[in-house]
Amino acid sequence: MNDQHPSGPVNEADAPLSFGNIGRNWGWLLALGVIYVLLGTIGLGMSAAVTIGTMLMFGILLLVGGGFQFVYMFRESTWKNRLLHLLTAALYIAGGLGLLSNPQAGSMVLTLLLGSVIAAAGVLRIIAGIQWKAAGARAWVIVSGIISLILGIMILMKWPESSLWVIGMFVAIELIVQGWTYVFVAAAARKFNKANG
């Protein structure tokens, strides 16, 4: 039997939408969201620097991953598994050193791959949209596929010049989207907190 009064505040466990600790600490999430939006906006204006920075960070992560693979190699009991970890470590370390020594070349390779993937995904989405049963959904799927295809072709047509800004632009847009997501979640958590005491 529920002892709660219907007009009383909603228990957090019984609420249809519970924010947990976010409800009490929404201010920190809001601040983080604002910082992300600002960093993303600044990043859009200096996408070349963000691209190089991203490649350097990726290179460092590859080196760290290679180091872990090398250390883990000694925990394996068979030479076959040790050799596999050693080869993986060598590839990670070589890739990391390559990115750190020439981040622009790394961005060229990733941009070429990214443009190809986006264009291919657009084609597949158009095909899926044509085969879609629901007419309303079909139009949106086809339109999104056409946009992806055009974006992929634009990246590939401007390659290798596009490698200077594409990755940085995508990282900046991701920061902005993530930041606004945090802002909206923080606002909803604040509203929920005020409504439920």
C-alpha atoms as a PDB file:
ATOM      1  CA  MET A   1       0.000   0.000   0.000  1.00  0.00           C
ATOM      2  CA  ASN A   2       1.305   3.455  -0.922  1.00  0.00           C
ATOM      3  CA  ASP A   3       1.471   5.800   2.101  1.00  0.00           C
ATOM      4  CA  GLN A   4       2.278   8.872   0.031  1.00  0.00           C
ATOM      5  CA  HIS A   5      -0.290  11.612  -0.134  1.00  0.00           C
ATOM      6  CA  PRO A   6      -1.361  12.282  -3.761  1.00  0.00           C
ATOM      7  CA  SER A   7      -0.688  16.003  -3.389  1.00  0.00           C
ATOM      8  CA  GLY A   8       2.679  15.553  -1.667  1.00  0.00           C
ATOM      9  CA  PRO A   9       6.090  15.692  -3.357  1.00  0.00           C
ATOM     10  CA  VAL A  10       7.006  12.845  -5.659  1.00  0.00           C
ATOM     11  CA  ASN A  11       9.511  10.378  -4.271  1.00  0.00           C
ATOM     12  CA  GLU A  12      12.589  10.266  -6.512  1.00  0.00           C
ATOM     13  CA  ALA A  13      12.393   6.474  -6.746  1.00  0.00           C
ATOM     14  CA  ASP A  14       8.733   6.629  -7.839  1.00  0.00           C
ATOM     15  CA  ALA A  15       9.156   9.498 -10.298  1.00  0.00           C
ATOM     16  CA  PRO A  16       8.700   8.735 -13.996  1.00  0.00           C
ATOM     17  CA  LEU A  17      11.938  10.629 -14.685  1.00  0.00           C
ATOM     18  CA  SER A  18      14.667  10.512 -12.057  1.00  0.00           C
ATOM     19  CA  PHE A  19      17.835  12.576 -12.330  1.00  0.00           C
ATOM     20  CA  GLY A  20      19.581  11.068  -9.286  1.00  0.00           C
ATOM     21  CA  ASN A  21      22.689  13.086  -8.313  1.00  0.00           C
ATOM     22  CA  ILE A  22      22.293  15.304 -11.390  1.00  0.00           C
ATOM     23  CA  GLY A  23      19.140  16.767  -9.853  1.00  0.00           C
ATOM     24  CA  ARG A  24      21.152  17.988  -6.867  1.00  0.00           C
ATOM     25  CA  ASN A  25      24.265  18.984  -8.823  1.00  0.00           C
ATOM     26  CA  TRP A  26      22.678  20.453 -11.940  1.00  0.00           C
ATOM     27  CA  GLY A  27      24.803  23.616 -11.642  1.00  0.00           C
ATOM     28  CA  TRP A  28      28.029  21.701 -12.309  1.00  0.00           C
ATOM     29  CA  LEU A  29      26.496  20.031 -15.347  1.00  0.00           C
ATOM     30  CA  LEU A  30      25.279  23.406 -16.621  1.00  0.00           C
ATOM     31  CA  ALA A  31      28.760  24.893 -16.177  1.00  0.00           C
ATOM     32  CA  LEU A  32      30.328  21.933 -17.995  1.00  0.00           C
ATOM     33  CA  GLY A  33      27.824  22.337 -20.833  1.00  0.00           C
ATOM     34  CA  VAL A  34      28.606  26.046 -21.187  1.00  0.00           C
ATOM     35  CA  ILE A  35      32.359  25.308 -21.219  1.00  0.00           C
ATOM     36  CA  TYR A  36      31.871  22.655 -23.927  1.00  0.00           C
ATOM     37  CA  VAL A  37      29.816  25.048 -26.059  1.00  0.00           C
ATOM     38  CA  LEU A  38      32.445  27.793 -25.693  1.00  0.00           C
ATOM     39  CA  LEU A  39      35.317  25.425 -26.508  1.00  0.00           C
ATOM     40  CA  GLY A  40      33.429  24.046 -29.522  1.00  0.00           C
ATOM     41  CA  THR A  41      32.651  27.540 -30.796  1.00  0.00           C
ATOM     42  CA  ILE A  42      36.304  28.570 -30.422  1.00  0.00           C
ATOM     43  CA  GLY A  43      37.290  25.289 -32.102  1.00  0.00           C
ATOM     44  CA  LEU A  44      35.181  26.113 -35.169  1.00  0.00           C
ATOM     45  CA  GLY A  45      37.285  29.236 -35.661  1.00  0.00           C
ATOM     46  CA  MET A  46      40.563  27.333 -35.402  1.00  0.00           C
ATOM     47  CA  SER A  47      39.664  23.928 -36.824  1.00  0.00           C
ATOM     48  CA  ALA A  48      43.173  23.365 -38.265  1.00  0.00           C
ATOM     49  CA  ALA A  49      44.729  23.616 -34.792  1.00  0.00           C
ATOM     50  CA  VAL A  50      42.016  21.336 -33.373  1.00  0.00           C
ATOM     51  CA  THR A  51      42.705  18.821 -36.156  1.00  0.00           C
ATOM     52  CA  ILE A  52      46.433  18.740 -35.374  1.00  0.00           C
ATOM     53  CA  GLY A  53      45.704  18.583 -31.631  1.00  0.00           C
ATOM     54  CA  THR A  54      43.315  15.677 -32.165  1.00  0.00           C
ATOM     55  CA  MET A  55      45.904  13.779 -34.199  1.00  0.00           C
ATOM     56  CA  LEU A  56      48.548  14.337 -31.512  1.00  0.00           C
ATOM     57  CA  MET A  57      46.141  13.141 -28.808  1.00  0.00           C
ATOM     58  CA  PHE A  58      45.272  10.088 -30.895  1.00  0.00           C
ATOM     59  CA  GLY A  59      48.990   9.394 -31.345  1.00  0.00           C
ATOM     60  CA  ILE A  60      49.544   9.535 -27.567  1.00  0.00           C
ATOM     61  CA  LEU A  61      46.599   7.171 -26.990  1.00  0.00           C
ATOM     62  CA  LEU A  62      48.057   4.725 -29.522  1.00  0.00           C
ATOM     63  CA  LEU A  63      51.414   4.814 -27.725  1.00  0.00           C
ATOM     64  CA  VAL A  64      49.721   4.171 -24.375  1.00  0.00           C
ATOM     65  CA  GLY A  65      47.682   1.331 -25.898  1.00  0.00           C
ATOM     66  CA  GLY A  66      50.833  -0.145 -27.409  1.00  0.00           C
ATOM     67  CA  GLY A  67      52.555   0.022 -24.035  1.00  0.00           C
ATOM     68  CA  PHE A  68      49.687  -1.834 -22.360  1.00  0.00           C
ATOM     69  CA  GLN A  69      49.729  -4.474 -25.097  1.00  0.00           C
ATOM     70  CA  PHE A  70      53.487  -4.940 -24.600  1.00  0.00           C
ATOM     71  CA  VAL A  71      53.122  -5.309 -20.813  1.00  0.00           C
ATOM     72  CA  TYR A  72      50.163  -7.667 -21.169  1.00  0.00           C
ATOM     73  CA  MET A  73      52.232  -9.848 -23.523  1.00  0.00           C
ATOM     74  CA  PHE A  74      54.218 -11.150 -20.528  1.00  0.00           C
ATOM     75  CA  ARG A  75      51.012 -12.349 -18.844  1.00  0.00           C
ATOM     76  CA  GLU A  76      50.240 -14.750 -21.687  1.00  0.00           C
ATOM     77  CA  SER A  77      51.245 -18.375 -21.243  1.00  0.00           C
ATOM     78  CA  THR A  78      51.778 -19.382 -24.899  1.00  0.00           C
ATOM     79  CA  TRP A  79      54.232 -17.975 -27.451  1.00  0.00           C
ATOM     80  CA  LYS A  80      51.442 -17.704 -30.001  1.00  0.00           C
ATOM     81  CA  ASN A  81      49.451 -15.294 -27.817  1.00  0.00           C
ATOM     82  CA  ARG A  82      52.620 -13.425 -26.839  1.00  0.00           C
ATOM     83  CA  LEU A  83      53.530 -12.938 -30.479  1.00  0.00           C
ATOM     84  CA  LEU A  84      50.019 -11.630 -31.229  1.00  0.00           C
ATOM     85  CA  HIS A  85      50.261  -9.055 -28.425  1.00  0.00           C
ATOM     86  CA  LEU A  86      53.778  -8.104 -29.510  1.00  0.00           C
ATOM     87  CA  LEU A  87      52.645  -7.467 -33.099  1.00  0.00           C
ATOM     88  CA  THR A  88      49.645  -5.461 -31.878  1.00  0.00           C
ATOM     89  CA  ALA A  89      51.906  -3.419 -29.595  1.00  0.00           C
ATOM     90  CA  ALA A  90      54.326  -2.791 -32.469  1.00  0.00           C
ATOM     91  CA  LEU A  91      51.489  -1.591 -34.740  1.00  0.00           C
ATOM     92  CA  TYR A  92      50.057   0.714 -32.055  1.00  0.00           C
ATOM     93  CA  ILE A  93      53.472   2.175 -31.228  1.00  0.00           C
ATOM     94  CA  ALA A  94      54.380   2.631 -34.909  1.00  0.00           C
ATOM     95  CA  GLY A  95      51.039   4.342 -35.572  1.00  0.00           C
ATOM     96  CA  GLY A  96      51.423   6.549 -32.496  1.00  0.00           C
ATOM     97  CA  LEU A  97      54.957   7.591 -33.418  1.00  0.00           C
ATOM     98  CA  GLY A  98      53.835   8.221 -36.997  1.00  0.00           C
ATOM     99  CA  LEU A  99      51.013  10.516 -35.855  1.00  0.00           C
ATOM    100  CA  LEU A 100      53.242  12.366 -33.406  1.00  0.00           C
ATOM    101  CA  SER A 101      55.973  12.904 -36.004  1.00  0.00           C
ATOM    102  CA  ASN A 102      53.598  13.900 -38.827  1.00  0.00           C
ATOM    103  CA  PRO A 103      50.069  14.675 -37.586  1.00  0.00           C
ATOM    104  CA  GLN A 104      49.125  16.324 -40.900  1.00  0.00           C
ATOM    105  CA  ALA A 105      49.729  13.086 -42.836  1.00  0.00           C
ATOM    106  CA  GLY A 106      47.612  11.238 -40.270  1.00  0.00           C
ATOM    107  CA  SER A 107      44.788  13.735 -40.695  1.00  0.00           C
ATOM    108  CA  MET A 108      44.962  13.254 -44.487  1.00  0.00           C
ATOM    109  CA  VAL A 109      44.490   9.481 -44.152  1.00  0.00           C
ATOM    110  CA  LEU A 110      41.663   9.815 -41.596  1.00  0.00           C
ATOM    111  CA  THR A 111      39.914  12.518 -43.645  1.00  0.00           C
ATOM    112  CA  LEU A 112      40.014  10.336 -46.763  1.00  0.00           C
ATOM    113  CA  LEU A 113      38.564   7.433 -44.771  1.00  0.00           C
ATOM    114  CA  LEU A 114      35.968   9.672 -43.111  1.00  0.00           C
ATOM    115  CA  GLY A 115      34.790  11.184 -46.399  1.00  0.00           C
ATOM    116  CA  SER A 116      34.480   7.731 -47.976  1.00  0.00           C
ATOM    117  CA  VAL A 117      32.529   6.348 -45.018  1.00  0.00           C
ATOM    118  CA  ILE A 118      30.128   9.330 -44.936  1.00  0.00           C
ATOM    119  CA  ALA A 119      29.490   9.076 -48.702  1.00  0.00           C
ATOM    120  CA  ALA A 120      28.963   5.293 -48.513  1.00  0.00           C
ATOM    121  CA  ALA A 121      26.626   5.687 -45.528  1.00  0.00           C
ATOM    122  CA  GLY A 122      24.642   8.255 -47.519  1.00  0.00           C
ATOM    123  CA  VAL A 123      24.236   5.848 -50.450  1.00  0.00           C
ATOM    124  CA  LEU A 124      23.111   3.044 -48.125  1.00  0.00           C
ATOM    125  CA  ARG A 125      20.636   5.374 -46.400  1.00  0.00           C
ATOM    126  CA  ILE A 126      19.162   6.433 -49.755  1.00  0.00           C
ATOM    127  CA  ILE A 127      18.741   2.776 -50.761  1.00  0.00           C
ATOM    128  CA  ALA A 128      17.157   1.980 -47.388  1.00  0.00           C
ATOM    129  CA  GLY A 129      14.835   4.982 -47.731  1.00  0.00           C
ATOM    130  CA  ILE A 130      13.668   3.879 -51.196  1.00  0.00           C
ATOM    131  CA  GLN A 131      12.817   0.449 -49.791  1.00  0.00           C
ATOM    132  CA  TRP A 132      11.109   1.904 -46.681  1.00  0.00           C
ATOM    133  CA  LYS A 133       7.401   1.153 -46.325  1.00  0.00           C
ATOM    134  CA  ALA A 134       6.251   4.258 -44.408  1.00  0.00           C
ATOM    135  CA  ALA A 135       6.026   7.172 -46.837  1.00  0.00           C
ATOM    136  CA  GLY A 136       6.682   9.909 -44.243  1.00  0.00           C
ATOM    137  CA  ALA A 137       9.762   8.221 -42.796  1.00  0.00           C
ATOM    138  CA  ARG A 138      11.013   7.340 -46.283  1.00  0.00           C
ATOM    139  CA  ALA A 139      11.363  10.992 -47.281  1.00  0.00           C
ATOM    140  CA  TRP A 140      13.414  11.881 -44.198  1.00  0.00           C
ATOM    141  CA  VAL A 141      15.701   8.867 -44.603  1.00  0.00           C
ATOM    142  CA  ILE A 142      16.307   9.682 -48.286  1.00  0.00           C
ATOM    143  CA  VAL A 143      16.950  13.377 -47.541  1.00  0.00           C
ATOM    144  CA  SER A 144      19.410  12.531 -44.750  1.00  0.00           C
ATOM    145  CA  GLY A 145      21.127  10.072 -47.101  1.00  0.00           C
ATOM    146  CA  ILE A 146      21.438  12.725 -49.826  1.00  0.00           C
ATOM    147  CA  ILE A 147      22.908  15.205 -47.296  1.00  0.00           C
ATOM    148  CA  SER A 148      25.458  12.611 -46.123  1.00  0.00           C
ATOM    149  CA  LEU A 149      26.342  11.720 -49.709  1.00  0.00           C
ATOM    150  CA  ILE A 150      26.860  15.386 -50.659  1.00  0.00           C
ATOM    151  CA  LEU A 151      28.921  16.010 -47.517  1.00  0.00           C
ATOM    152  CA  GLY A 152      31.103  12.966 -48.201  1.00  0.00           C
ATOM    153  CA  ILE A 153      31.635  13.996 -51.839  1.00  0.00           C
ATOM    154  CA  MET A 154      32.518  17.560 -50.769  1.00  0.00           C
ATOM    155  CA  ILE A 155      35.112  16.255 -48.308  1.00  0.00           C
ATOM    156  CA  LEU A 156      36.609  13.942 -50.945  1.00  0.00           C
ATOM    157  CA  MET A 157      36.602  16.603 -53.690  1.00  0.00           C
ATOM    158  CA  LYS A 158      38.475  19.058 -51.435  1.00  0.00           C
ATOM    159  CA  TRP A 159      40.947  16.404 -50.276  1.00  0.00           C
ATOM    160  CA  PRO A 160      43.779  16.749 -49.259  1.00  0.00           C
ATOM    161  CA  GLU A 161      43.081  20.413 -48.353  1.00  0.00           C
ATOM    162  CA  SER A 162      39.999  19.314 -46.407  1.00  0.00           C
ATOM    163  CA  SER A 163      42.222  17.265 -44.078  1.00  0.00           C
ATOM    164  CA  LEU A 164      43.311  20.536 -42.434  1.00  0.00           C
ATOM    165  CA  TRP A 165      39.838  21.402 -41.144  1.00  0.00           C
ATOM    166  CA  VAL A 166      37.393  18.457 -41.389  1.00  0.00           C
ATOM    167  CA  ILE A 167      38.425  16.539 -38.266  1.00  0.00           C
ATOM    168  CA  GLY A 168      38.768  19.725 -36.221  1.00  0.00           C
ATOM    169  CA  MET A 169      35.351  20.909 -37.396  1.00  0.00           C
ATOM    170  CA  PHE A 170      33.747  17.559 -36.464  1.00  0.00           C
ATOM    171  CA  VAL A 171      35.364  17.632 -33.006  1.00  0.00           C
ATOM    172  CA  ALA A 172      34.189  21.226 -32.482  1.00  0.00           C
ATOM    173  CA  ILE A 173      30.624  20.388 -33.570  1.00  0.00           C
ATOM    174  CA  GLU A 174      30.634  17.360 -31.259  1.00  0.00           C
ATOM    175  CA  LEU A 175      31.701  19.594 -28.353  1.00  0.00           C
ATOM    176  CA  ILE A 176      28.910  22.070 -29.138  1.00  0.00           C
ATOM    177  CA  VAL A 177      26.255  19.347 -29.423  1.00  0.00           C
ATOM    178  CA  GLN A 178      27.474  17.668 -26.219  1.00  0.00           C
ATOM    179  CA  GLY A 179      27.554  21.024 -24.451  1.00  0.00           C
ATOM    180  CA  TRP A 180      23.988  21.943 -25.394  1.00  0.00           C
ATOM    181  CA  THR A 181      22.881  18.448 -24.364  1.00  0.00           C
ATOM    182  CA  TYR A 182      24.373  19.037 -20.899  1.00  0.00           C
ATOM    183  CA  VAL A 183      22.731  22.470 -20.714  1.00  0.00           C
ATOM    184  CA  PHE A 184      19.272  21.062 -21.547  1.00  0.00           C
ATOM    185  CA  VAL A 185      19.675  18.122 -19.141  1.00  0.00           C
ATOM    186  CA  ALA A 186      20.799  20.503 -16.380  1.00  0.00           C
ATOM    187  CA  ALA A 187      17.798  22.777 -17.016  1.00  0.00           C
ATOM    188  CA  ALA A 188      15.421  19.804 -16.920  1.00  0.00           C
ATOM    189  CA  ALA A 189      17.075  18.501 -13.733  1.00  0.00           C
ATOM    190  CA  ARG A 190      16.738  21.941 -12.087  1.00  0.00           C
ATOM    191  CA  LYS A 191      13.061  22.128 -13.058  1.00  0.00           C
ATOM    192  CA  PHE A 192      12.481  18.581 -11.758  1.00  0.00           C
ATOM    193  CA  ASN A 193      14.280  19.403  -8.510  1.00  0.00           C
ATOM    194  CA  LYS A 194      12.199  22.531  -7.905  1.00  0.00           C
ATOM    195  CA  ALA A 195       8.937  20.725  -8.650  1.00  0.00           C
ATOM    196  CA  ASN A 196       9.689  17.833  -6.303  1.00  0.00           C
ATOM    197  CA  GLY A 197      11.332  19.619  -3.438  1.00  0.00           C
END
